[in-house]
Amino acid sequence: MFKFLLTIFLIGFILVSLMGFSIIRSFKEFFFGSPKSKNRQRSASQSRQSSTKSSTRPQQSKRKKVIDSSEGEYVDYEEIKE
């Protein structure tokens, strides 16, 4: 009986600890900002810089159309009732 109660107590303690860490992390991200958002800002600015560099270069080859021009055209259709 004692081992069972101890096991339940340990599982409960672990769950409460994880919830506490989650709440603390949420408060930290709310007040100090998320490190993920800072990484996104850096990557966005780097991609803007690389896009301006690539736009000044002449395009070496144009991409061919993957989908044929006849694909996706509107076609009149009549419903045939039997």
N, C-alpha and C. Protein backbone atom coordinates (compact mmCIF):
# COMPACT_ATOMS: atom_id res chain seq x y z
N MET A 1 0.83 -1.19 0.00
CA MET A 1 0.00 0.00 0.00
C MET A 1 0.87 1.25 0.00
N PHE A 2 1.97 1.20 0.74
CA PHE A 2 2.85 2.36 0.84
C PHE A 2 3.51 2.66 -0.50
N LYS A 3 3.91 1.61 -1.23
CA LYS A 3 4.55 1.80 -2.54
C LYS A 3 3.57 2.42 -3.53
N PHE A 4 2.32 2.00 -3.48
CA PHE A 4 1.30 2.54 -4.37
C PHE A 4 1.09 4.04 -4.11
N LEU A 5 0.96 4.41 -2.85
CA LEU A 5 0.77 5.82 -2.51
C LEU A 5 2.00 6.65 -2.88
N LEU A 6 3.18 6.10 -2.68
CA LEU A 6 4.40 6.81 -3.03
C LEU A 6 4.48 7.01 -4.54
N THR A 7 4.10 6.01 -5.32
CA THR A 7 4.11 6.11 -6.78
C THR A 7 3.13 7.18 -7.24
N ILE A 8 1.94 7.19 -6.68
CA ILE A 8 0.95 8.20 -7.06
C ILE A 8 1.44 9.59 -6.67
N PHE A 9 2.05 9.71 -5.51
CA PHE A 9 2.58 11.00 -5.07
C PHE A 9 3.69 11.48 -6.00
N LEU A 10 4.58 10.60 -6.42
CA LEU A 10 5.68 10.99 -7.32
C LEU A 10 5.15 11.40 -8.69
N ILE A 11 4.18 10.65 -9.21
CA ILE A 11 3.60 11.01 -10.51
C ILE A 11 2.90 12.37 -10.41
N GLY A 12 2.17 12.59 -9.34
CA GLY A 12 1.51 13.89 -9.14
C GLY A 12 2.52 15.01 -9.00
N PHE A 13 3.59 14.78 -8.28
CA PHE A 13 4.63 15.79 -8.11
C PHE A 13 5.28 16.14 -9.45
N ILE A 14 5.54 15.13 -10.26
CA ILE A 14 6.14 15.37 -11.58
C ILE A 14 5.18 16.18 -12.46
N LEU A 15 3.91 15.82 -12.46
CA LEU A 15 2.93 16.56 -13.27
C LEU A 15 2.79 18.01 -12.81
N VAL A 16 2.73 18.23 -11.51
CA VAL A 16 2.63 19.60 -10.99
C VAL A 16 3.89 20.39 -11.32
N SER A 17 5.04 19.75 -11.25
CA SER A 17 6.29 20.44 -11.59
C SER A 17 6.31 20.84 -13.06
N LEU A 18 5.90 19.95 -13.94
CA LEU A 18 5.86 20.26 -15.37
C LEU A 18 4.88 21.40 -15.66
N MET A 19 3.74 21.39 -14.99
CA MET A 19 2.79 22.48 -15.18
C MET A 19 3.37 23.80 -14.68
N GLY A 20 4.08 23.75 -13.57
CA GLY A 20 4.71 24.96 -13.03
C GLY A 20 5.75 25.52 -13.98
N PHE A 21 6.60 24.66 -14.53
CA PHE A 21 7.60 25.12 -15.49
C PHE A 21 6.94 25.71 -16.73
N SER A 22 5.84 25.11 -17.16
CA SER A 22 5.13 25.62 -18.32
C SER A 22 4.56 27.01 -18.05
N ILE A 23 3.99 27.20 -16.88
CA ILE A 23 3.43 28.51 -16.51
C ILE A 23 4.54 29.55 -16.41
N ILE A 24 5.66 29.18 -15.80
CA ILE A 24 6.79 30.11 -15.68
C ILE A 24 7.31 30.49 -17.06
N ARG A 25 7.43 29.52 -17.97
CA ARG A 25 7.90 29.80 -19.33
C ARG A 25 6.93 30.73 -20.05
N SER A 26 5.63 30.53 -19.85
CA SER A 26 4.64 31.39 -20.49
C SER A 26 4.77 32.83 -20.01
N PHE A 27 4.94 33.02 -18.70
CA PHE A 27 5.12 34.37 -18.17
C PHE A 27 6.41 34.99 -18.71
N LYS A 28 7.45 34.21 -18.76
CA LYS A 28 8.74 34.71 -19.27
C LYS A 28 8.61 35.15 -20.73
N GLU A 29 7.96 34.34 -21.56
CA GLU A 29 7.78 34.70 -22.96
C GLU A 29 6.88 35.92 -23.11
N PHE A 30 5.88 36.05 -22.23
CA PHE A 30 4.98 37.19 -22.31
C PHE A 30 5.70 38.49 -21.97
N PHE A 31 6.50 38.48 -20.92
CA PHE A 31 7.16 39.70 -20.49
C PHE A 31 8.45 40.01 -21.24
N PHE A 32 9.22 39.00 -21.59
CA PHE A 32 10.53 39.23 -22.21
C PHE A 32 10.59 38.87 -23.68
N GLY A 33 9.54 38.33 -24.22
CA GLY A 33 9.54 37.95 -25.63
C GLY A 33 10.08 36.55 -25.82
N SER A 34 9.66 35.95 -26.91
CA SER A 34 10.07 34.58 -27.20
C SER A 34 11.36 34.58 -28.00
N PRO A 35 12.30 33.70 -27.69
CA PRO A 35 13.52 33.62 -28.50
C PRO A 35 13.21 33.15 -29.92
N LYS A 36 12.11 32.44 -30.12
CA LYS A 36 11.73 31.99 -31.45
C LYS A 36 11.39 33.17 -32.34
N SER A 37 10.70 34.18 -31.78
CA SER A 37 10.32 35.33 -32.60
C SER A 37 11.56 36.13 -33.01
N LYS A 38 12.58 36.17 -32.16
CA LYS A 38 13.81 36.87 -32.51
C LYS A 38 14.51 36.15 -33.66
N ASN A 39 14.50 34.82 -33.63
CA ASN A 39 15.11 34.06 -34.71
C ASN A 39 14.35 34.26 -36.01
N ARG A 40 13.03 34.37 -35.93
CA ARG A 40 12.22 34.61 -37.13
C ARG A 40 12.55 35.96 -37.74
N GLN A 41 12.73 36.97 -36.87
CA GLN A 41 13.05 38.30 -37.37
C GLN A 41 14.40 38.29 -38.07
N ARG A 42 15.37 37.59 -37.50
CA ARG A 42 16.68 37.51 -38.13
C ARG A 42 16.61 36.81 -39.48
N SER A 43 15.91 35.70 -39.52
CA SER A 43 15.83 34.95 -40.78
C SER A 43 15.06 35.74 -41.84
N ALA A 44 14.04 36.51 -41.41
CA ALA A 44 13.29 37.32 -42.36
C ALA A 44 14.17 38.42 -42.94
N SER A 45 14.99 39.06 -42.10
CA SER A 45 15.86 40.11 -42.61
C SER A 45 16.94 39.53 -43.51
N GLN A 46 17.43 38.35 -43.19
CA GLN A 46 18.44 37.71 -44.04
C GLN A 46 17.84 37.31 -45.38
N SER A 47 16.60 36.85 -45.38
CA SER A 47 15.98 36.45 -46.64
C SER A 47 15.69 37.68 -47.51
N ARG A 48 15.36 38.82 -46.88
CA ARG A 48 15.16 40.05 -47.65
C ARG A 48 16.46 40.49 -48.29
N GLN A 49 17.57 40.37 -47.54
CA GLN A 49 18.85 40.77 -48.09
C GLN A 49 19.25 39.86 -49.25
N SER A 50 19.02 38.57 -49.11
CA SER A 50 19.39 37.65 -50.18
C SER A 50 18.50 37.83 -51.39
N SER A 51 17.23 38.20 -51.19
CA SER A 51 16.34 38.40 -52.33
C SER A 51 16.72 39.65 -53.11
N THR A 52 17.21 40.69 -52.42
CA THR A 52 17.63 41.88 -53.15
C THR A 52 18.91 41.60 -53.92
N LYS A 53 19.76 40.77 -53.39
CA LYS A 53 20.98 40.40 -54.10
C LYS A 53 20.65 39.55 -55.33
N SER A 54 19.72 38.64 -55.19
CA SER A 54 19.40 37.76 -56.30
C SER A 54 18.61 38.50 -57.38
N SER A 55 17.87 39.55 -57.01
CA SER A 55 17.10 40.27 -58.02
C SER A 55 18.00 41.14 -58.89
N THR A 56 19.19 41.50 -58.41
CA THR A 56 20.09 42.30 -59.23
C THR A 56 20.80 41.44 -60.27
N ARG A 57 20.90 40.15 -60.04
CA ARG A 57 21.53 39.25 -61.01
C ARG A 57 20.56 38.96 -62.15
N PRO A 58 21.06 38.84 -63.36
CA PRO A 58 20.16 38.44 -64.44
C PRO A 58 19.76 36.98 -64.25
N GLN A 59 18.54 36.68 -64.61
CA GLN A 59 18.08 35.30 -64.44
C GLN A 59 18.78 34.42 -65.46
N GLN A 60 19.31 33.33 -64.99
CA GLN A 60 20.06 32.44 -65.87
C GLN A 60 19.14 31.59 -66.72
N SER A 61 18.09 31.10 -66.14
CA SER A 61 17.16 30.29 -66.92
C SER A 61 15.76 30.50 -66.37
N LYS A 62 14.80 30.60 -67.27
CA LYS A 62 13.42 30.76 -66.82
C LYS A 62 12.81 29.38 -66.60
N ARG A 63 11.92 29.33 -65.68
CA ARG A 63 11.27 28.05 -65.38
C ARG A 63 10.20 27.77 -66.42
N LYS A 64 10.09 26.51 -66.78
CA LYS A 64 9.05 26.10 -67.71
C LYS A 64 7.77 25.85 -66.95
N LYS A 65 6.65 25.99 -67.64
CA LYS A 65 5.37 25.72 -67.01
C LYS A 65 5.25 24.23 -66.72
N VAL A 66 4.77 23.93 -65.56
CA VAL A 66 4.57 22.54 -65.18
C VAL A 66 3.21 22.07 -65.65
N ILE A 67 2.23 22.97 -65.59
CA ILE A 67 0.87 22.60 -65.96
C ILE A 67 0.60 23.11 -67.37
N ASP A 68 0.02 22.29 -68.18
CA ASP A 68 -0.30 22.65 -69.55
C ASP A 68 -1.36 23.74 -69.57
N SER A 69 -1.38 24.56 -70.62
CA SER A 69 -2.33 25.66 -70.67
C SER A 69 -3.77 25.17 -70.80
N SER A 70 -3.98 23.96 -71.30
CA SER A 70 -5.34 23.43 -71.43
C SER A 70 -5.89 22.89 -70.12
N GLU A 71 -5.03 22.71 -69.14
CA GLU A 71 -5.47 22.19 -67.85
C GLU A 71 -6.23 23.28 -67.08
N GLY A 72 -7.34 22.90 -66.51
CA GLY A 72 -8.07 23.79 -65.65
C GLY A 72 -8.97 24.77 -66.37
N GLU A 73 -9.18 24.59 -67.65
CA GLU A 73 -10.07 25.49 -68.37
C GLU A 73 -11.51 25.15 -68.04
N TYR A 74 -12.37 26.16 -68.14
CA TYR A 74 -13.79 25.95 -67.88
C TYR A 74 -14.41 25.24 -69.07
N VAL A 75 -15.18 24.22 -68.80
CA VAL A 75 -15.83 23.45 -69.84
C VAL A 75 -17.32 23.40 -69.52
N ASP A 76 -18.14 23.77 -70.52
CA ASP A 76 -19.58 23.66 -70.32
C ASP A 76 -19.95 22.20 -70.16
N TYR A 77 -20.89 21.94 -69.29
CA TYR A 77 -21.28 20.57 -69.11
C TYR A 77 -22.77 20.48 -68.96
N GLU A 78 -23.33 19.43 -69.47
CA GLU A 78 -24.76 19.21 -69.38
C GLU A 78 -25.00 17.93 -68.60
N GLU A 79 -25.97 17.99 -67.72
CA GLU A 79 -26.30 16.81 -66.94
C GLU A 79 -27.29 15.97 -67.74
N ILE A 80 -26.97 14.72 -67.90
CA ILE A 80 -27.82 13.81 -68.67
C ILE A 80 -28.61 12.96 -67.67
N LYS A 81 -29.93 13.08 -67.75
CA LYS A 81 -30.77 12.30 -66.85
C LYS A 81 -31.32 11.11 -67.61
N GLU A 82 -31.28 10.00 -67.00
CA GLU A 82 -31.77 8.79 -67.65
C GLU A 82 -33.09 8.37 -67.08
